[in-house]
């Protein structure tokens, strides 16, 4: 499977956006629910796991 640069950049941007959202959500009362939802999505799992450590 080939991944071109544009797709890679989109994925990175998407990950960054999710991370920003996640950081905001972590400060909110719903963070636990939000976190469990996010962590169940496989592509994001490693990214968010890094932030959890």
PDB file of N, CA and C in Angstrom:
ATOM      1  N   UNK A   1       0.841  -1.198   0.000  1.00  0.00           N
ATOM      2  CA  UNK A   1       0.000   0.000   0.000  1.00  0.00           C
ATOM      3  C   UNK A   1       0.878   1.250   0.000  1.00  0.00           C
ATOM      4  N   UNK A   2       0.554   2.164  -0.867  1.00  0.00           N
ATOM      5  CA  UNK A   2       1.337   3.399  -0.941  1.00  0.00           C
ATOM      6  C   UNK A   2       0.623   4.533  -0.215  1.00  0.00           C
ATOM      7  N   UNK A   3       1.388   5.291   0.510  1.00  0.00           N
ATOM      8  CA  UNK A   3       0.856   6.486   1.163  1.00  0.00           C
ATOM      9  C   UNK A   3       1.573   7.677   0.557  1.00  0.00           C
ATOM     10  N   UNK A   4       0.803   8.557  -0.056  1.00  0.00           N
ATOM     11  CA  UNK A   4       1.473   9.729  -0.618  1.00  0.00           C
ATOM     12  C   UNK A   4       1.622  10.824   0.427  1.00  0.00           C
ATOM     13  N   UNK A   5       2.440  11.801   0.121  1.00  0.00           N
ATOM     14  CA  UNK A   5       2.788  12.848   1.085  1.00  0.00           C
ATOM     15  C   UNK A   5       1.578  13.644   1.556  1.00  0.00           C
ATOM     16  N   UNK A   6       0.664  13.907   0.615  1.00  0.00           N
ATOM     17  CA  UNK A   6      -0.513  14.697   0.952  1.00  0.00           C
ATOM     18  C   UNK A   6      -1.371  13.978   1.979  1.00  0.00           C
ATOM     19  N   UNK A   7      -1.604  12.696   1.753  1.00  0.00           N
ATOM     20  CA  UNK A   7      -2.385  11.904   2.701  1.00  0.00           C
ATOM     21  C   UNK A   7      -1.710  11.868   4.063  1.00  0.00           C
ATOM     22  N   UNK A   8      -0.415  11.738   4.032  1.00  0.00           N
ATOM     23  CA  UNK A   8       0.357  11.701   5.263  1.00  0.00           C
ATOM     24  C   UNK A   8       0.202  13.014   6.034  1.00  0.00           C
ATOM     25  N   UNK A   9       0.267  14.111   5.303  1.00  0.00           N
ATOM     26  CA  UNK A   9       0.107  15.426   5.928  1.00  0.00           C
ATOM     27  C   UNK A   9      -1.299  15.595   6.488  1.00  0.00           C
ATOM     28  N   UNK A  10      -2.291  15.130   5.734  1.00  0.00           N
ATOM     29  CA  UNK A  10      -3.675  15.207   6.202  1.00  0.00           C
ATOM     30  C   UNK A  10      -3.850  14.427   7.488  1.00  0.00           C
ATOM     31  N   UNK A  11      -3.252  13.261   7.515  1.00  0.00           N
ATOM     32  CA  UNK A  11      -3.344  12.421   8.702  1.00  0.00           C
ATOM     33  C   UNK A  11      -2.683  13.099   9.900  1.00  0.00           C
ATOM     34  N   UNK A  12      -1.533  13.697   9.647  1.00  0.00           N
ATOM     35  CA  UNK A  12      -0.836  14.417  10.723  1.00  0.00           C
ATOM     36  C   UNK A  12      -1.660  15.590  11.227  1.00  0.00           C
ATOM     37  N   UNK A  13      -2.228  16.339  10.306  1.00  0.00           N
ATOM     38  CA  UNK A  13      -3.075  17.477  10.689  1.00  0.00           C
ATOM     39  C   UNK A  13      -4.266  17.003  11.498  1.00  0.00           C
ATOM     40  N   UNK A  14      -4.857  15.931  11.021  1.00  0.00           N
ATOM     41  CA  UNK A  14      -6.015  15.370  11.713  1.00  0.00           C
ATOM     42  C   UNK A  14      -5.631  14.931  13.130  1.00  0.00           C
ATOM     43  N   UNK A  15      -4.505  14.291  13.242  1.00  0.00           N
ATOM     44  CA  UNK A  15      -4.010  13.843  14.548  1.00  0.00           C
ATOM     45  C   UNK A  15      -3.762  15.035  15.465  1.00  0.00           C
ATOM     46  N   UNK A  16      -3.181  16.079  14.906  1.00  0.00           N
ATOM     47  CA  UNK A  16      -2.915  17.283  15.693  1.00  0.00           C
ATOM     48  C   UNK A  16      -4.205  17.925  16.177  1.00  0.00           C
ATOM     49  N   UNK A  17      -5.192  17.969  15.280  1.00  0.00           N
ATOM     50  CA  UNK A  17      -6.488  18.526  15.657  1.00  0.00           C
ATOM     51  C   UNK A  17      -7.127  17.701  16.766  1.00  0.00           C
ATOM     52  N   UNK A  18      -7.067  16.395  16.604  1.00  0.00           N
ATOM     53  CA  UNK A  18      -7.612  15.514  17.629  1.00  0.00           C
ATOM     54  C   UNK A  18      -6.893  15.705  18.955  1.00  0.00           C
ATOM     55  N   UNK A  19      -5.589  15.856  18.875  1.00  0.00           N
ATOM     56  CA  UNK A  19      -4.807  16.039  20.089  1.00  0.00           C
ATOM     57  C   UNK A  19      -5.196  17.340  20.782  1.00  0.00           C
ATOM     58  N   UNK A  20      -5.368  18.397  20.002  1.00  0.00           N
ATOM     59  CA  UNK A  20      -5.792  19.675  20.564  1.00  0.00           C
ATOM     60  C   UNK A  20      -7.159  19.545  21.219  1.00  0.00           C
ATOM     61  N   UNK A  21      -8.070  18.881  20.520  1.00  0.00           N
ATOM     62  CA  UNK A  21      -9.407  18.648  21.066  1.00  0.00           C
ATOM     63  C   UNK A  21      -9.312  17.847  22.357  1.00  0.00           C
ATOM     64  N   UNK A  22      -8.475  16.839  22.290  1.00  0.00           N
ATOM     65  CA  UNK A  22      -8.311  15.941  23.429  1.00  0.00           C
ATOM     66  C   UNK A  22      -7.787  16.709  24.639  1.00  0.00           C
ATOM     67  N   UNK A  23      -6.811  17.572  24.408  1.00  0.00           N
ATOM     68  CA  UNK A  23      -6.237  18.364  25.491  1.00  0.00           C
ATOM     69  C   UNK A  23      -7.301  19.280  26.105  1.00  0.00           C
ATOM     70  N   UNK A  24      -8.129  19.860  25.246  1.00  0.00           N
ATOM     71  CA  UNK A  24      -9.219  20.697  25.745  1.00  0.00           C
ATOM     72  C   UNK A  24     -10.196  19.862  26.561  1.00  0.00           C
ATOM     73  N   UNK A  25     -10.546  18.715  25.990  1.00  0.00           N
ATOM     74  CA  UNK A  25     -11.520  17.844  26.644  1.00  0.00           C
ATOM     75  C   UNK A  25     -11.016  17.329  27.990  1.00  0.00           C
ATOM     76  N   UNK A  26      -9.725  17.108  28.061  1.00  0.00           N
ATOM     77  CA  UNK A  26      -9.139  16.609  29.299  1.00  0.00           C
ATOM     78  C   UNK A  26      -9.403  17.572  30.449  1.00  0.00           C
ATOM     79  N   UNK A  27      -9.573  18.838  30.109  1.00  0.00           N
ATOM     80  CA  UNK A  27      -9.812  19.847  31.141  1.00  0.00           C
ATOM     81  C   UNK A  27     -11.289  19.929  31.515  1.00  0.00           C
ATOM     82  N   UNK A  28     -12.105  19.259  30.725  1.00  0.00           N
ATOM     83  CA  UNK A  28     -13.538  19.320  30.994  1.00  0.00           C
ATOM     84  C   UNK A  28     -14.001  18.128  31.823  1.00  0.00           C
ATOM     85  N   UNK A  29     -15.214  18.204  32.280  1.00  0.00           N
ATOM     86  CA  UNK A  29     -15.742  17.161  33.151  1.00  0.00           C
ATOM     87  C   UNK A  29     -16.046  15.877  32.395  1.00  0.00           C
ATOM     88  N   UNK A  30     -16.221  15.995  31.079  1.00  0.00           N
ATOM     89  CA  UNK A  30     -16.564  14.825  30.284  1.00  0.00           C
ATOM     90  C   UNK A  30     -15.327  14.098  29.761  1.00  0.00           C
ATOM     91  N   UNK A  31     -14.166  14.495  30.252  1.00  0.00           N
ATOM     92  CA  UNK A  31     -12.929  13.961  29.683  1.00  0.00           C
ATOM     93  C   UNK A  31     -12.848  12.439  29.740  1.00  0.00           C
ATOM     94  N   UNK A  32     -13.349  11.846  30.795  1.00  0.00           N
ATOM     95  CA  UNK A  32     -13.236  10.400  30.926  1.00  0.00           C
ATOM     96  C   UNK A  32     -14.005   9.679  29.821  1.00  0.00           C
ATOM     97  N   UNK A  33     -15.223  10.158  29.552  1.00  0.00           N
ATOM     98  CA  UNK A  33     -16.040   9.573  28.492  1.00  0.00           C
ATOM     99  C   UNK A  33     -15.377   9.800  27.140  1.00  0.00           C
ATOM    100  N   UNK A  34     -14.958  11.027  26.917  1.00  0.00           N
ATOM    101  CA  UNK A  34     -14.312  11.394  25.665  1.00  0.00           C
ATOM    102  C   UNK A  34     -13.057  10.552  25.432  1.00  0.00           C
ATOM    103  N   UNK A  35     -12.285  10.400  26.472  1.00  0.00           N
ATOM    104  CA  UNK A  35     -11.042   9.649  26.394  1.00  0.00           C
ATOM    105  C   UNK A  35     -11.308   8.198  26.017  1.00  0.00           C
ATOM    106  N   UNK A  36     -12.284   7.595  26.656  1.00  0.00           N
ATOM    107  CA  UNK A  36     -12.576   6.190  26.370  1.00  0.00           C
ATOM    108  C   UNK A  36     -13.045   6.006  24.929  1.00  0.00           C
ATOM    109  N   UNK A  37     -13.804   6.983  24.421  1.00  0.00           N
ATOM    110  CA  UNK A  37     -14.240   6.906  23.016  1.00  0.00           C
ATOM    111  C   UNK A  37     -13.050   7.004  22.073  1.00  0.00           C
ATOM    112  N   UNK A  38     -12.219   7.999  22.317  1.00  0.00           N
ATOM    113  CA  UNK A  38     -11.053   8.236  21.470  1.00  0.00           C
ATOM    114  C   UNK A  38     -10.119   7.024  21.472  1.00  0.00           C
ATOM    115  N   UNK A  39      -9.879   6.500  22.638  1.00  0.00           N
ATOM    116  CA  UNK A  39      -8.901   5.422  22.761  1.00  0.00           C
ATOM    117  C   UNK A  39      -9.374   4.119  22.126  1.00  0.00           C
ATOM    118  N   UNK A  40     -10.662   4.054  21.834  1.00  0.00           N
ATOM    119  CA  UNK A  40     -11.160   2.859  21.158  1.00  0.00           C
ATOM    120  C   UNK A  40     -10.942   2.919  19.655  1.00  0.00           C
ATOM    121  N   UNK A  41     -10.655   4.096  19.144  1.00  0.00           N
ATOM    122  CA  UNK A  41     -10.387   4.191  17.707  1.00  0.00           C
ATOM    123  C   UNK A  41      -8.914   3.889  17.443  1.00  0.00           C
ATOM    124  N   UNK A  42      -8.697   2.866  16.679  1.00  0.00           N
ATOM    125  CA  UNK A  42      -7.363   2.288  16.528  1.00  0.00           C
ATOM    126  C   UNK A  42      -6.296   3.243  15.981  1.00  0.00           C
ATOM    127  N   UNK A  43      -6.580   4.011  14.920  1.00  0.00           N
ATOM    128  CA  UNK A  43      -5.529   4.879  14.349  1.00  0.00           C
ATOM    129  C   UNK A  43      -4.993   5.895  15.353  1.00  0.00           C
ATOM    130  N   UNK A  44      -5.842   6.321  16.254  1.00  0.00           N
ATOM    131  CA  UNK A  44      -5.452   7.371  17.194  1.00  0.00           C
ATOM    132  C   UNK A  44      -4.840   6.810  18.461  1.00  0.00           C
ATOM    133  N   UNK A  45      -5.007   5.536  18.651  1.00  0.00           N
ATOM    134  CA  UNK A  45      -4.671   4.951  19.942  1.00  0.00           C
ATOM    135  C   UNK A  45      -3.243   5.243  20.387  1.00  0.00           C
ATOM    136  N   UNK A  46      -2.292   5.021  19.505  1.00  0.00           N
ATOM    137  CA  UNK A  46      -0.891   5.209  19.888  1.00  0.00           C
ATOM    138  C   UNK A  46      -0.596   6.672  20.225  1.00  0.00           C
ATOM    139  N   UNK A  47      -1.184   7.577  19.451  1.00  0.00           N
ATOM    140  CA  UNK A  47      -0.979   9.007  19.699  1.00  0.00           C
ATOM    141  C   UNK A  47      -1.462   9.372  21.094  1.00  0.00           C
ATOM    142  N   UNK A  48      -2.664   8.936  21.426  1.00  0.00           N
ATOM    143  CA  UNK A  48      -3.233   9.322  22.707  1.00  0.00           C
ATOM    144  C   UNK A  48      -2.590   8.576  23.855  1.00  0.00           C
ATOM    145  N   UNK A  49      -2.136   7.372  23.567  1.00  0.00           N
ATOM    146  CA  UNK A  49      -1.452   6.628  24.612  1.00  0.00           C
ATOM    147  C   UNK A  49      -0.189   7.380  25.028  1.00  0.00           C
ATOM    148  N   UNK A  50       0.492   7.974  24.063  1.00  0.00           N
ATOM    149  CA  UNK A  50       1.692   8.756  24.370  1.00  0.00           C
ATOM    150  C   UNK A  50       1.360   9.909  25.316  1.00  0.00           C
ATOM    151  N   UNK A  51       0.207  10.532  25.091  1.00  0.00           N
ATOM    152  CA  UNK A  51      -0.177  11.667  25.922  1.00  0.00           C
ATOM    153  C   UNK A  51      -0.608  11.230  27.317  1.00  0.00           C
ATOM    154  N   UNK A  52      -1.067  10.001  27.409  1.00  0.00           N
ATOM    155  CA  UNK A  52      -1.511   9.503  28.705  1.00  0.00           C
ATOM    156  C   UNK A  52      -0.344   9.174  29.624  1.00  0.00           C
ATOM    157  N   UNK A  53       0.770   8.835  29.024  1.00  0.00           N
ATOM    158  CA  UNK A  53       1.909   8.411  29.834  1.00  0.00           C
ATOM    159  C   UNK A  53       2.614   9.590  30.500  1.00  0.00           C
TER     160      UNK A  53
END
